[in-house]
Amino acid sequence: MNITYSKQAVKAIERMDRPTKQRIKAAVEGLPGGDVKPLQGSKGSYRLRVGNWRILFSYPEKDIILIEKIAPRGEIYKGV
């Protein structure tokens, strides 16, 4: 599967410390496994839980995962 990142997700990753980046990277590379649940009210969108962090993603095309947003649990769902 090809994994693509939105600009917002790339900026969030750049601001993280090294251990957090490594945990996020390992979780994203393990998709579709992990603690994944569909988002309510947003058809085709999913969330992946990595500790206190949430990763919102979707499948815009077959074999492509689009990482849309990465943020802490309290901030991720604002504006969705």
Protein backbone atom coordinates (compact mmCIF):
# COMPACT_ATOMS: atom_id res chain seq x y z
CA MET A 1 0.00 0.00 0.00
CA ASN A 2 1.15 3.51 -0.79
CA ILE A 3 0.96 5.98 2.08
CA THR A 4 0.61 9.69 1.34
CA TYR A 5 0.60 12.53 3.85
CA SER A 6 -1.25 15.85 3.79
CA LYS A 7 0.74 19.05 4.45
CA GLN A 8 -0.93 19.33 7.86
CA ALA A 9 0.19 15.81 8.82
CA VAL A 10 3.78 16.48 7.69
CA LYS A 11 3.94 19.66 9.79
CA ALA A 12 2.63 17.78 12.84
CA ILE A 13 5.28 15.09 12.41
CA GLU A 14 8.06 17.67 12.07
CA ARG A 15 7.12 19.19 15.45
CA MET A 16 7.27 15.88 17.34
CA ASP A 17 10.18 14.54 19.36
CA ARG A 18 12.08 11.54 18.01
CA PRO A 19 10.45 8.76 20.10
CA THR A 20 6.96 9.98 19.19
CA LYS A 21 7.88 10.18 15.50
CA GLN A 22 9.10 6.59 15.63
CA ARG A 23 5.90 5.36 17.31
CA ILE A 24 3.73 7.20 14.77
CA LYS A 25 5.79 5.90 11.84
CA ALA A 26 5.60 2.30 13.08
CA ALA A 27 1.83 2.56 13.57
CA VAL A 28 1.24 4.08 10.11
CA GLU A 29 3.38 1.44 8.43
CA GLY A 30 1.33 -1.23 10.24
CA LEU A 31 -1.97 -0.05 8.74
CA PRO A 32 -4.65 -1.40 8.35
CA GLY A 33 -3.76 -3.17 11.62
CA GLY A 34 -3.77 -1.50 15.01
CA ASP A 35 -6.50 0.27 16.96
CA VAL A 36 -8.48 1.51 13.94
CA LYS A 37 -12.11 2.62 14.10
CA PRO A 38 -14.33 4.38 11.56
CA LEU A 39 -15.22 8.01 12.33
CA GLN A 40 -18.86 8.63 13.03
CA GLY A 41 -20.43 11.14 10.66
CA SER A 42 -17.54 11.02 8.18
CA LYS A 43 -18.06 8.22 5.70
CA GLY A 44 -14.78 6.71 4.55
CA SER A 45 -12.67 8.28 7.30
CA TYR A 46 -10.93 6.34 10.03
CA ARG A 47 -8.85 7.00 13.11
CA LEU A 48 -5.81 5.18 14.41
CA ARG A 49 -4.98 5.48 18.10
CA VAL A 50 -1.31 5.62 19.12
CA GLY A 51 -1.18 6.35 22.85
CA ASN A 52 -2.55 9.87 23.35
CA TRP A 53 -2.17 10.65 19.62
CA ARG A 54 -4.80 10.16 16.94
CA ILE A 55 -4.19 9.77 13.21
CA LEU A 56 -7.08 10.48 10.85
CA PHE A 57 -6.84 8.74 7.49
CA SER A 58 -8.89 7.59 4.52
CA TYR A 59 -8.64 5.38 1.46
CA PRO A 60 -9.18 7.75 -1.51
CA GLU A 61 -8.24 5.03 -4.01
CA LYS A 62 -7.52 1.33 -3.89
CA ASP A 63 -4.09 0.60 -2.33
CA ILE A 64 -3.59 4.24 -1.23
CA ILE A 65 -3.81 5.48 2.35
CA LEU A 66 -4.08 9.25 2.85
CA ILE A 67 -2.93 10.45 6.27
CA GLU A 68 -5.03 13.58 6.73
CA LYS A 69 -4.32 14.78 10.26
CA ILE A 70 -2.18 13.88 13.28
CA ALA A 71 -2.80 15.51 16.66
CA PRO A 72 -3.30 14.78 20.37
CA ARG A 73 -6.62 13.26 21.40
CA GLY A 74 -8.10 16.53 22.72
CA GLU A 75 -7.42 18.48 19.52
CA ILE A 76 -7.91 16.01 16.68
CA TYR A 77 -11.70 16.06 16.39
CA LYS A 78 -12.11 19.85 16.36
CA GLY A 79 -13.20 20.94 12.91
CA VAL A 80 -13.89 17.46 11.55
